[in-house]
Amino acid sequence: MAIAPRQRVFVASTMIIVVLVAIGAIFPDRFSAGASAALTGVTHLFGWFYLFSVFGFVIFLLVLAFSKYGKIRLGPQESKPSYDFFSWISMLLAAGFGVGLVFYGMAEPMTHFMNTPFNDMEGGTPEAARYAIQYSFFNWGVHQWAAFSVVGLIIAYTQFRKGQTGLVSTVMSPLTAKLGKGRVFAGGLLNTFAVVATVMGVATSIGLAVLQINGGLHAVFGVAEGFMWQAIILCAMFVCYMMSTVSGLDKGIKRLSNLNMVLCLGLMFYVLVTGPTVAILETITVGMGDYLQNFLGMSLRINPFTDNDWISSWTVFYWAWVIAWSPFVGTFVARVSRGRTIKEYVFGVLIVPPLLACLWIGVFGGAALHMDLYQDAGLAQATSDNITSALFVMFDQMPFSFPLSIVAMILIFIFLVTSADSAAYIVGQMTDKGSLNPPLYKRVTWGVLIAAICLILISAGGESGLSGLQSAAVVSALPFTLIIYGMVYVLLKELRADRKQMLLSLYRQHGETPVGADAFEADEMSDTHDRLRRVPDVKNRRINRGRGTGQIESE
């Protein structure tokens, strides 16, 4: 029986995911080892390519924001943003990296504190602490949001400005059209690829966060770390995000994201006030200074003359991970950014979330580093022993540690719910021809599949099974980087045509005067207008050009 065109991506991506999960469940160790080997090979051979690409995305976005295209809106030029600024930023964080930030916000600085990046200095020293904050800011700064921002901008422009579907295949259609009859197959392949990478990435992130909640429950309540509790946590999360999915984007995800933002800010403020406040503020200040001062060097730093693999294990892995996740996060970012100008979009997506991430790392990482250096709290060793419970070990050093740990677990849990709900919504959209409101059965189906993937891999191999699927997802970043380059090329062509059309409209409205253009654009617009008006129309008009202005005479 033939598959309906609208269901082809849905069926194909489901089959691929089922096969990958089955292999991961039946042969967890082999699958993990094979995927990890592939990831190691890719990051070793193409680490330089990831560094250049992500740095290039950052520069492209900043230049675009302050260029003549910065005032173009992602929607009709008279449209207004669909969400207020607070809700917009809250939803960006919820879909982007909220869970990962809570997981690594304290743990990453402590890891770099003991084992410094590139082995540049002795670990466990004040100099190592400063270096750890610098590279933690870098790894969670603007580079991490560059791929999300580029993909989201292009999809939002295509979807809301041009009125087309928000799919990777639609964006790439000017290029795939050259394939003739093969363009349909190429489009389906692009969409299927985006869906598979999204589901694998979201499933592994949720699975790893479930392990962290289990680690927190073990640290606070002494519950066992094992499959039974992990299954209970996953089931509770599944029920919550199904309820959120049924509620829809404006109610479920928006309200949960706003709640999470309030909890984030409250928790961060509490640690700042009750911890070593002055040391934390100084850590944030010197961290931002080091980050900005060394921005260019860190962006392109690699180690061709040594066998040190730090860059592959951390920065290159992060860049590959966010590129692999960019179809999901980018599509969600596009969905909630309608009505923003390109300049507003770049500021809101590329700058604000990384700034909040650096503040979070500065507060939690700064407090932990100070405790280890001057109170001998042993947090670096606790991080090395069990990264999933390290945050809760730090809370034990602070007043009211028990309610603090409870709030942190609630925060992680809600981030999980919003991430899963966002993923189910976006994958439903991807597998329903880019519909802005995918049918409920598809959202529910993908929500069930994501939870099932987590449960199967946790039961089969625990962290080993999840890391195998994660590695497989990250490997997909290499071909998708090339796809992003194609999307950028298409966007630039479309923006140029868009601006030309706006100037032509103004040209006609204001007595053939090239309004809003510089001298070179004015000349180009006049030439374009001249060619268009020479084409015979129903009134058989013609243009007589004269000394920089057009004078129209009717025959």
Protein backbone atom coordinates (compact mmCIF):
# COMPACT_ATOMS: atom_id res chain seq x y z
CA MET A 1 0.00 0.00 0.00
CA ALA A 2 1.37 3.42 -0.98
CA ILE A 3 2.23 5.87 1.79
CA ALA A 4 0.52 9.26 1.59
CA PRO A 5 3.01 12.04 0.75
CA ARG A 6 2.21 13.84 4.02
CA GLN A 7 3.17 10.73 6.02
CA ARG A 8 6.39 9.71 4.25
CA VAL A 9 8.77 11.61 6.50
CA PHE A 10 6.83 10.43 9.56
CA VAL A 11 7.05 6.77 8.53
CA ALA A 12 10.66 6.86 7.30
CA SER A 13 12.04 8.65 10.36
CA THR A 14 10.11 6.37 12.74
CA MET A 15 11.53 3.26 11.06
CA ILE A 16 15.11 4.57 11.18
CA ILE A 17 14.82 5.52 14.85
CA VAL A 18 13.29 2.15 15.79
CA VAL A 19 16.18 0.33 14.07
CA LEU A 20 18.84 2.47 15.80
CA VAL A 21 17.22 2.09 19.20
CA ALA A 22 16.86 -1.67 18.72
CA ILE A 23 20.56 -1.99 17.92
CA GLY A 24 21.42 0.18 20.92
CA ALA A 25 19.20 -1.88 23.21
CA ILE A 26 20.34 -5.32 22.01
CA PHE A 27 24.05 -4.48 21.71
CA PRO A 28 24.52 -1.48 24.03
CA ASP A 29 28.28 -1.84 24.54
CA ARG A 30 29.07 -2.52 20.89
CA PHE A 31 26.77 0.25 19.71
CA SER A 32 28.30 2.70 22.17
CA ALA A 33 31.85 1.69 21.22
CA GLY A 34 31.15 1.93 17.49
CA ALA A 35 29.37 5.27 17.73
CA SER A 36 32.09 6.66 20.01
CA ALA A 37 34.80 5.52 17.59
CA ALA A 38 32.97 7.23 14.72
CA LEU A 39 32.61 10.40 16.78
CA THR A 40 36.31 10.35 17.72
CA GLY A 41 37.29 9.99 14.07
CA VAL A 42 34.99 12.79 12.92
CA THR A 43 36.06 15.25 15.64
CA HIS A 44 39.74 14.46 15.01
CA LEU A 45 39.52 14.90 11.24
CA PHE A 46 37.09 17.79 11.14
CA GLY A 47 37.59 19.61 14.46
CA TRP A 48 39.14 22.55 12.58
CA PHE A 49 36.07 22.65 10.31
CA TYR A 50 33.68 22.87 13.28
CA LEU A 51 35.73 25.67 14.86
CA PHE A 52 35.83 27.70 11.63
CA SER A 53 32.15 27.08 10.91
CA VAL A 54 30.76 28.07 14.31
CA PHE A 55 33.01 31.12 14.49
CA GLY A 56 31.82 32.03 10.99
CA PHE A 57 28.17 31.69 12.07
CA VAL A 58 28.80 34.14 14.94
CA ILE A 59 30.40 36.71 12.64
CA PHE A 60 27.69 36.24 10.00
CA LEU A 61 24.89 36.88 12.51
CA LEU A 62 26.51 39.98 14.02
CA VAL A 63 27.26 41.49 10.62
CA LEU A 64 23.74 40.71 9.40
CA ALA A 65 22.15 42.29 12.49
CA PHE A 66 23.92 45.63 11.93
CA SER A 67 23.66 45.55 8.16
CA LYS A 68 21.00 47.14 5.94
CA TYR A 69 18.95 43.96 6.44
CA GLY A 70 18.74 44.31 10.24
CA LYS A 71 15.36 46.07 10.20
CA ILE A 72 13.63 43.39 8.12
CA ARG A 73 11.02 41.62 10.23
CA LEU A 74 10.47 37.89 10.51
CA GLY A 75 6.94 38.31 9.26
CA PRO A 76 5.07 41.11 7.49
CA GLN A 77 6.91 44.41 7.99
CA GLU A 78 4.06 45.78 10.12
CA SER A 79 3.82 42.67 12.36
CA LYS A 80 4.52 42.67 16.10
CA PRO A 81 6.25 40.01 18.24
CA SER A 82 4.01 37.11 19.22
CA TYR A 83 5.43 36.90 22.77
CA ASP A 84 6.69 39.43 25.29
CA PHE A 85 10.45 39.54 25.89
CA PHE A 86 10.44 37.60 29.19
CA SER A 87 8.33 34.73 27.83
CA TRP A 88 10.37 34.68 24.63
CA ILE A 89 13.71 34.35 26.43
CA SER A 90 12.22 31.81 28.87
CA MET A 91 11.06 29.57 26.03
CA LEU A 92 14.42 29.89 24.27
CA LEU A 93 16.22 28.65 27.38
CA ALA A 94 13.72 25.86 27.99
CA ALA A 95 14.13 24.43 24.51
CA GLY A 96 17.81 25.25 24.14
CA PHE A 97 20.08 24.17 26.94
CA GLY A 98 18.34 24.55 30.28
CA VAL A 99 18.91 20.96 31.40
CA GLY A 100 22.53 20.95 30.24
CA LEU A 101 23.25 24.23 31.99
CA VAL A 102 21.97 22.93 35.34
CA PHE A 103 23.92 19.71 34.78
CA TYR A 104 27.24 21.35 33.86
CA GLY A 105 26.93 24.85 35.38
CA MET A 106 28.91 23.88 38.47
CA ALA A 107 30.46 20.62 37.24
CA GLU A 108 32.29 21.96 34.18
CA PRO A 109 34.32 24.66 35.99
CA MET A 110 35.28 22.10 38.65
CA THR A 111 36.38 19.63 35.96
CA HIS A 112 38.56 22.24 34.23
CA PHE A 113 39.85 23.34 37.64
CA MET A 114 41.41 19.92 38.26
CA ASN A 115 42.31 19.12 34.63
CA THR A 116 43.00 22.42 32.92
CA PRO A 117 42.24 22.97 29.22
CA PHE A 118 45.18 21.96 27.00
CA ASN A 119 47.16 21.10 30.18
CA ASP A 120 48.33 24.72 30.18
CA MET A 121 48.92 24.87 33.93
CA GLU A 122 48.83 22.92 37.16
CA GLY A 123 45.33 22.01 38.30
CA GLY A 124 43.84 22.91 41.67
CA THR A 125 45.43 26.37 41.82
CA PRO A 126 43.92 29.89 41.82
CA GLU A 127 45.28 30.34 38.28
CA ALA A 128 43.54 27.13 37.22
CA ALA A 129 40.28 28.38 38.77
CA ARG A 130 40.42 31.56 36.69
CA TYR A 131 41.22 29.58 33.55
CA ALA A 132 38.37 27.16 34.27
CA ILE A 133 35.84 30.00 34.41
CA GLN A 134 37.22 31.53 31.20
CA TYR A 135 36.78 28.35 29.18
CA SER A 136 33.44 27.50 30.79
CA PHE A 137 32.15 30.93 29.68
CA PHE A 138 33.52 30.26 26.22
CA ASN A 139 31.94 26.79 25.90
CA TRP A 140 28.54 28.13 27.00
CA GLY A 141 28.80 31.55 25.34
CA VAL A 142 27.67 32.92 22.01
CA HIS A 143 29.30 30.14 19.99
CA GLN A 144 27.01 27.54 21.50
CA TRP A 145 23.94 29.46 20.30
CA ALA A 146 25.35 30.33 16.86
CA ALA A 147 24.04 27.25 15.03
CA PHE A 148 20.63 27.52 16.76
CA SER A 149 20.45 31.19 15.81
CA VAL A 150 21.39 30.72 12.16
CA VAL A 151 18.95 27.86 11.54
CA GLY A 152 16.18 29.56 13.50
CA LEU A 153 16.61 32.84 11.65
CA ILE A 154 16.49 31.20 8.23
CA ILE A 155 13.45 29.07 9.07
CA ALA A 156 11.60 32.01 10.66
CA TYR A 157 12.29 34.16 7.58
CA THR A 158 11.06 31.43 5.24
CA GLN A 159 8.02 30.60 7.35
CA PHE A 160 6.78 34.01 8.42
CA ARG A 161 8.23 36.44 5.90
CA LYS A 162 7.72 34.35 2.77
CA GLY A 163 4.69 32.40 3.97
CA GLN A 164 6.19 28.98 3.26
CA THR A 165 6.52 25.89 5.46
CA GLY A 166 9.22 25.96 8.13
CA LEU A 167 11.11 22.90 6.91
CA VAL A 168 14.76 22.42 6.02
CA SER A 169 13.64 21.09 2.63
CA THR A 170 11.66 24.28 1.95
CA VAL A 171 14.62 26.51 2.79
CA MET A 172 16.87 24.45 0.53
CA SER A 173 14.34 24.23 -2.33
CA PRO A 174 16.09 26.89 -4.50
CA LEU A 175 19.13 24.59 -4.53
CA THR A 176 17.38 21.21 -4.70
CA ALA A 177 15.18 22.48 -7.56
CA LYS A 178 18.21 21.99 -9.80
CA LEU A 179 17.90 18.24 -9.23
CA GLY A 180 14.73 18.08 -11.31
CA LYS A 181 12.60 15.07 -10.41
CA GLY A 182 15.04 14.18 -7.64
CA ARG A 183 14.13 17.30 -5.64
CA VAL A 184 11.21 15.54 -3.91
CA PHE A 185 13.45 12.70 -2.76
CA ALA A 186 16.16 15.17 -1.65
CA GLY A 187 13.61 17.20 0.31
CA GLY A 188 12.25 14.13 2.05
CA LEU A 189 15.79 13.01 2.88
CA LEU A 190 16.64 16.39 4.42
CA ASN A 191 13.49 16.40 6.56
CA THR A 192 13.97 12.79 7.67
CA PHE A 193 17.58 13.52 8.58
CA ALA A 194 16.49 16.50 10.71
CA VAL A 195 13.83 14.45 12.51
CA VAL A 196 16.16 11.53 13.31
CA ALA A 197 18.92 13.82 14.62
CA THR A 198 16.38 15.72 16.75
CA VAL A 199 14.77 12.66 18.32
CA MET A 200 18.11 10.99 19.09
CA GLY A 201 19.51 14.17 20.60
CA VAL A 202 16.44 14.92 22.73
CA ALA A 203 16.12 11.32 23.91
CA THR A 204 19.71 11.15 25.11
CA SER A 205 19.53 14.55 26.82
CA ILE A 206 16.37 13.56 28.65
CA GLY A 207 17.88 10.20 29.61
CA LEU A 208 21.03 11.80 31.02
CA ALA A 209 18.94 14.33 32.96
CA VAL A 210 16.86 11.47 34.42
CA LEU A 211 20.11 10.02 35.71
CA GLN A 212 20.94 13.37 37.33
CA ILE A 213 17.56 13.57 39.07
CA ASN A 214 18.13 10.03 40.32
CA GLY A 215 21.57 11.15 41.57
CA GLY A 216 19.96 14.07 43.37
CA LEU A 217 17.35 11.86 45.01
CA HIS A 218 20.14 9.53 46.12
CA ALA A 219 22.15 12.40 47.59
CA VAL A 220 19.17 14.01 49.36
CA PHE A 221 16.91 11.10 50.29
CA GLY A 222 19.22 8.11 49.96
CA VAL A 223 17.10 6.36 47.32
CA ALA A 224 18.87 3.76 45.22
CA GLU A 225 20.46 4.70 41.91
CA GLY A 226 19.06 2.18 39.46
CA PHE A 227 16.56 1.36 36.79
CA MET A 228 13.47 1.24 39.04
CA TRP A 229 13.77 4.84 40.22
CA GLN A 230 14.88 6.04 36.82
CA ALA A 231 11.78 4.47 35.29
CA ILE A 232 9.58 6.14 37.93
CA ILE A 233 11.15 9.54 37.20
CA LEU A 234 10.73 9.05 33.46
CA CYS A 235 7.08 7.99 33.83
CA ALA A 236 6.30 11.02 36.00
CA MET A 237 7.97 13.27 33.46
CA PHE A 238 6.05 11.57 30.62
CA VAL A 239 2.70 12.23 32.29
CA CYS A 240 3.58 15.89 32.84
CA TYR A 241 4.80 16.61 29.35
CA MET A 242 1.83 14.83 27.81
CA MET A 243 -0.43 17.15 29.81
CA SER A 244 1.63 20.11 28.60
CA THR A 245 1.50 18.84 25.00
CA VAL A 246 -2.29 18.62 25.11
CA SER A 247 -2.43 22.18 26.50
CA GLY A 248 -0.59 23.57 23.47
CA LEU A 249 2.29 25.98 22.94
CA ASP A 250 0.79 29.16 24.44
CA LYS A 251 -0.42 27.47 27.62
CA GLY A 252 1.79 24.48 28.37
CA ILE A 253 5.30 25.40 27.17
CA LYS A 254 4.94 29.14 27.78
CA ARG A 255 3.73 28.82 31.38
CA LEU A 256 6.26 26.14 32.31
CA SER A 257 9.08 28.15 30.72
CA ASN A 258 8.11 31.28 32.67
CA LEU A 259 8.00 29.24 35.89
CA ASN A 260 11.42 27.80 35.14
CA MET A 261 12.89 31.23 34.51
CA VAL A 262 11.61 32.45 37.88
CA LEU A 263 13.06 29.37 39.62
CA CYS A 264 16.41 29.85 37.81
CA LEU A 265 16.71 33.47 38.80
CA GLY A 266 15.59 32.74 42.37
CA LEU A 267 18.05 29.87 42.83
CA MET A 268 20.89 31.88 41.32
CA PHE A 269 20.13 34.88 43.54
CA TYR A 270 20.01 32.67 46.65
CA VAL A 271 23.42 31.12 45.94
CA LEU A 272 24.83 34.58 45.21
CA VAL A 273 23.55 36.04 48.50
CA THR A 274 24.24 33.10 50.84
CA GLY A 275 27.51 32.04 49.19
CA PRO A 276 30.79 33.96 48.98
CA THR A 277 29.08 36.96 47.37
CA VAL A 278 32.10 39.18 46.74
CA ALA A 279 34.16 36.26 45.40
CA ILE A 280 31.30 35.29 43.03
CA LEU A 281 30.93 38.85 41.70
CA GLU A 282 34.69 39.09 41.21
CA THR A 283 34.67 35.71 39.45
CA ILE A 284 31.97 36.87 37.02
CA THR A 285 33.83 40.11 36.34
CA VAL A 286 37.24 38.57 35.67
CA GLY A 287 35.61 35.70 33.75
CA MET A 288 33.83 38.08 31.37
CA GLY A 289 37.03 40.09 30.94
CA ASP A 290 39.08 36.99 30.10
CA TYR A 291 36.35 35.70 27.80
CA LEU A 292 36.13 38.92 25.80
CA GLN A 293 39.88 39.50 25.74
CA ASN A 294 40.63 35.99 24.44
CA PHE A 295 37.51 35.61 22.29
CA LEU A 296 39.25 35.33 18.93
CA GLY A 297 42.07 33.10 20.14
CA MET A 298 39.74 30.63 21.86
CA SER A 299 37.41 30.58 18.85
CA LEU A 300 40.09 29.14 16.57
CA ARG A 301 42.46 27.45 19.02
CA ILE A 302 43.35 23.87 18.16
CA ASN A 303 46.36 21.65 18.92
CA PRO A 304 48.08 20.47 15.69
CA PHE A 305 51.50 20.00 17.34
CA THR A 306 50.53 17.84 20.33
CA ASP A 307 48.37 14.82 21.03
CA ASN A 308 46.27 16.64 23.63
CA ASP A 309 42.62 15.80 22.96
CA TRP A 310 40.96 18.35 25.26
CA ILE A 311 39.59 20.41 22.38
CA SER A 312 37.95 17.34 20.81
CA SER A 313 36.44 16.17 24.09
CA TRP A 314 34.99 19.54 25.04
CA THR A 315 34.72 22.44 22.59
CA VAL A 316 34.52 20.49 19.34
CA PHE A 317 32.07 18.03 20.92
CA TYR A 318 29.90 20.94 22.08
CA TRP A 319 29.93 22.58 18.65
CA ALA A 320 29.03 19.30 16.94
CA TRP A 321 26.29 18.67 19.50
CA VAL A 322 24.59 22.04 19.00
CA ILE A 323 24.82 21.71 15.20
CA ALA A 324 23.16 18.29 15.44
CA TRP A 325 20.46 19.83 17.66
CA SER A 326 19.99 22.92 15.48
CA PRO A 327 17.11 21.51 13.38
CA PHE A 328 15.05 21.08 16.56
CA VAL A 329 16.08 24.14 18.56
CA GLY A 330 16.26 26.32 15.44
CA THR A 331 12.74 25.35 14.39
CA PHE A 332 11.40 26.01 17.89
CA VAL A 333 13.26 29.34 18.11
CA ALA A 334 11.74 30.30 14.76
CA ARG A 335 8.26 29.33 15.94
CA VAL A 336 8.37 31.72 18.94
CA SER A 337 10.23 34.59 17.18
CA ARG A 338 7.59 35.75 14.71
CA GLY A 339 7.42 39.54 14.40
CA ARG A 340 10.96 40.30 15.60
CA THR A 341 13.34 42.26 13.40
CA ILE A 342 16.55 40.49 12.42
CA LYS A 343 18.49 42.79 14.77
CA GLU A 344 16.13 42.04 17.68
CA TYR A 345 16.31 38.34 16.88
CA VAL A 346 20.13 38.22 16.88
CA PHE A 347 20.34 40.18 20.12
CA GLY A 348 17.67 38.05 21.82
CA VAL A 349 18.87 34.64 20.62
CA LEU A 350 22.65 35.02 20.23
CA ILE A 351 23.40 37.36 23.16
CA VAL A 352 20.84 37.11 25.98
CA PRO A 353 20.75 33.31 26.62
CA PRO A 354 24.59 33.04 26.60
CA LEU A 355 24.77 36.00 28.97
CA LEU A 356 22.38 34.26 31.38
CA ALA A 357 24.42 31.06 31.01
CA CYS A 358 27.63 32.88 31.93
CA LEU A 359 25.93 34.44 34.96
CA TRP A 360 24.73 30.98 36.07
CA ILE A 361 28.19 29.45 35.64
CA GLY A 362 29.79 32.45 37.36
CA VAL A 363 27.51 32.09 40.38
CA PHE A 364 27.55 28.31 40.80
CA GLY A 365 31.05 27.71 39.45
CA GLY A 366 32.47 30.70 41.31
CA ALA A 367 30.92 29.55 44.60
CA ALA A 368 32.19 25.98 44.14
CA LEU A 369 35.73 27.10 43.21
CA HIS A 370 35.91 29.39 46.24
CA MET A 371 34.69 26.58 48.52
CA ASP A 372 37.33 24.20 47.17
CA LEU A 373 40.18 26.69 47.32
CA TYR A 374 39.48 28.18 50.75
CA GLN A 375 37.21 25.75 52.58
CA ASP A 376 38.59 22.44 51.28
CA ALA A 377 35.03 21.33 50.39
CA GLY A 378 36.19 18.53 48.05
CA LEU A 379 33.77 19.51 45.28
CA ALA A 380 36.24 18.84 42.48
CA GLN A 381 36.68 15.28 43.72
CA ALA A 382 32.92 14.90 44.15
CA THR A 383 32.47 16.00 40.54
CA SER A 384 35.06 13.48 39.38
CA ASP A 385 33.43 10.68 41.42
CA ASN A 386 29.83 11.30 40.30
CA ILE A 387 28.97 14.27 38.12
CA THR A 388 25.20 13.64 38.48
CA SER A 389 25.23 14.38 42.23
CA ALA A 390 28.04 16.98 42.43
CA LEU A 391 25.64 19.94 42.51
CA PHE A 392 23.83 18.50 45.52
CA VAL A 393 27.15 17.95 47.33
CA MET A 394 27.77 21.70 46.92
CA PHE A 395 24.35 22.48 48.34
CA ASP A 396 25.31 20.54 51.46
CA GLN A 397 27.85 23.28 52.18
CA MET A 398 25.14 25.97 52.16
CA PRO A 399 22.31 27.05 54.49
CA PHE A 400 18.97 25.26 54.00
CA SER A 401 20.58 22.63 51.78
CA PHE A 402 17.52 20.36 51.81
CA PRO A 403 14.96 22.82 50.31
CA LEU A 404 17.70 24.08 48.00
CA SER A 405 18.19 20.57 46.59
CA ILE A 406 14.44 20.11 46.22
CA VAL A 407 14.15 23.35 44.20
CA ALA A 408 17.07 22.26 41.99
CA MET A 409 15.42 18.90 41.26
CA ILE A 410 12.11 20.62 40.47
CA LEU A 411 14.01 22.96 38.13
CA ILE A 412 15.67 20.04 36.32
CA PHE A 413 12.36 18.21 36.12
CA ILE A 414 10.50 21.16 34.58
CA PHE A 415 13.34 21.73 32.12
CA LEU A 416 12.95 18.09 31.13
CA VAL A 417 9.22 18.49 30.65
CA THR A 418 9.56 21.64 28.53
CA SER A 419 12.38 20.13 26.44
CA ALA A 420 10.37 16.97 25.75
CA ASP A 421 7.19 18.95 25.07
CA SER A 422 9.05 21.31 22.71
CA ALA A 423 10.61 18.35 20.91
CA ALA A 424 7.28 16.55 20.49
CA TYR A 425 5.75 19.75 19.10
CA ILE A 426 8.58 20.48 16.67
CA VAL A 427 9.00 16.89 15.45
CA GLY A 428 5.25 16.77 14.95
CA GLN A 429 5.59 19.92 12.84
CA MET A 430 8.50 18.44 10.86
CA THR A 431 6.54 15.30 10.06
CA ASP A 432 3.35 17.17 9.11
CA LYS A 433 4.68 19.23 6.17
CA GLY A 434 5.72 22.08 8.45
CA SER A 435 2.27 22.77 9.90
CA LEU A 436 2.30 25.48 12.59
CA ASN A 437 -0.25 23.44 14.53
CA PRO A 438 0.58 19.75 14.00
CA PRO A 439 -2.21 17.33 14.91
CA LEU A 440 -2.34 16.15 18.51
CA TYR A 441 -1.89 12.48 17.60
CA LYS A 442 1.49 13.19 16.04
CA ARG A 443 2.67 15.22 19.02
CA VAL A 444 1.54 12.47 21.37
CA THR A 445 3.11 9.77 19.18
CA TRP A 446 6.50 11.44 19.22
CA GLY A 447 6.22 12.10 22.94
CA VAL A 448 5.60 8.40 23.54
CA LEU A 449 8.47 7.40 21.25
CA ILE A 450 10.95 9.73 22.98
CA ALA A 451 10.02 8.37 26.41
CA ALA A 452 10.18 4.78 25.13
CA ILE A 453 13.64 5.36 23.65
CA CYS A 454 14.91 6.67 26.99
CA LEU A 455 13.41 3.78 28.93
CA ILE A 456 14.76 1.11 26.56
CA LEU A 457 18.29 2.50 26.51
CA ILE A 458 18.41 3.10 30.28
CA SER A 459 17.26 -0.47 30.92
CA ALA A 460 19.67 -1.95 28.37
CA GLY A 461 22.86 -0.10 29.08
CA GLY A 462 22.25 2.86 31.36
CA GLU A 463 24.59 5.72 30.59
CA SER A 464 26.47 3.51 28.10
CA GLY A 465 23.38 3.00 25.96
CA LEU A 466 22.49 6.69 26.06
CA SER A 467 26.01 7.83 25.21
CA GLY A 468 26.01 5.55 22.17
CA LEU A 469 22.89 7.20 20.77
CA GLN A 470 24.29 10.60 21.71
CA SER A 471 27.50 9.91 19.80
CA ALA A 472 25.51 8.76 16.78
CA ALA A 473 23.49 11.98 16.89
CA VAL A 474 26.61 14.14 17.13
CA VAL A 475 28.19 12.42 14.10
CA SER A 476 25.24 13.74 12.05
CA ALA A 477 26.51 17.28 12.68
CA LEU A 478 29.11 16.96 9.91
CA PRO A 479 26.69 16.73 6.96
CA PHE A 480 24.29 19.18 8.58
CA THR A 481 27.04 21.80 8.79
CA LEU A 482 27.22 21.70 5.01
CA ILE A 483 23.43 22.00 4.85
CA ILE A 484 23.61 25.14 7.02
CA TYR A 485 26.08 26.66 4.57
CA GLY A 486 23.55 26.06 1.80
CA MET A 487 20.79 27.63 3.92
CA VAL A 488 22.93 30.73 4.54
CA TYR A 489 23.54 31.10 0.80
CA VAL A 490 19.81 30.89 0.08
CA LEU A 491 19.00 33.39 2.85
CA LEU A 492 21.41 36.00 1.48
CA LYS A 493 19.87 35.72 -1.97
CA GLU A 494 16.36 36.02 -0.55
CA LEU A 495 17.25 39.02 1.65
CA ARG A 496 18.77 40.84 -1.30
CA ALA A 497 15.68 40.19 -3.42
CA ASP A 498 13.43 41.19 -0.51
CA ARG A 499 15.18 44.52 -0.01
CA LYS A 500 15.20 45.19 -3.75
CA GLN A 501 11.44 44.63 -3.88
CA MET A 502 10.87 46.98 -0.93
CA LEU A 503 12.98 49.69 -2.57
CA LEU A 504 11.17 49.26 -5.87
CA SER A 505 7.84 49.68 -4.09
CA LEU A 506 9.08 52.87 -2.46
CA TYR A 507 10.48 53.99 -5.82
CA ARG A 508 7.04 53.75 -7.40
CA GLN A 509 5.24 55.31 -4.43
CA HIS A 510 7.44 58.41 -4.32
CA GLY A 511 7.47 59.67 -7.87
CA GLU A 512 10.21 57.42 -9.21
CA THR A 513 12.69 58.64 -6.56
CA PRO A 514 14.94 55.85 -5.13
CA VAL A 515 13.89 56.34 -1.51
CA GLY A 516 15.87 54.60 1.20
CA ALA A 517 18.85 53.52 -0.89
CA ASP A 518 22.43 54.68 -1.07
CA ALA A 519 23.86 56.06 -4.32
CA PHE A 520 24.85 52.65 -5.69
CA GLU A 521 21.53 51.03 -4.79
CA ALA A 522 19.66 54.00 -6.25
CA ASP A 523 21.39 53.49 -9.57
CA GLU A 524 20.67 49.75 -9.45
CA MET A 525 17.02 50.33 -8.58
CA SER A 526 16.66 52.81 -11.43
CA ASP A 527 18.11 50.30 -13.89
CA THR A 528 15.85 47.54 -12.58
CA HIS A 529 12.82 49.79 -12.73
CA ASP A 530 13.75 50.80 -16.27
CA ARG A 531 13.95 47.19 -17.45
CA LEU A 532 10.65 46.29 -15.81
CA ARG A 533 8.75 49.21 -17.25
CA ARG A 534 10.04 48.57 -20.79
CA VAL A 535 8.10 45.32 -20.82
CA PRO A 536 4.79 46.06 -22.64
CA ASP A 537 1.81 46.04 -20.29
CA VAL A 538 -1.89 46.58 -20.80
CA LYS A 539 -1.39 50.33 -21.04
CA ASN A 540 1.67 50.00 -23.29
CA ARG A 541 3.71 52.37 -21.16
CA ARG A 542 7.31 53.22 -21.70
CA ILE A 543 10.00 55.03 -19.79
CA ASN A 544 12.03 57.95 -21.03
CA ARG A 545 15.04 58.23 -18.77
CA GLY A 546 16.41 61.65 -18.09
CA ARG A 547 19.17 62.96 -15.84
CA GLY A 548 18.80 60.55 -12.87
CA THR A 549 14.96 60.51 -12.70
CA GLY A 550 12.36 58.61 -14.69
CA GLN A 551 9.68 60.55 -16.58
CA ILE A 552 6.76 58.38 -17.67
CA GLU A 553 4.73 59.13 -20.74
CA SER A 554 1.73 57.16 -21.90
CA GLU A 555 1.24 56.53 -25.57
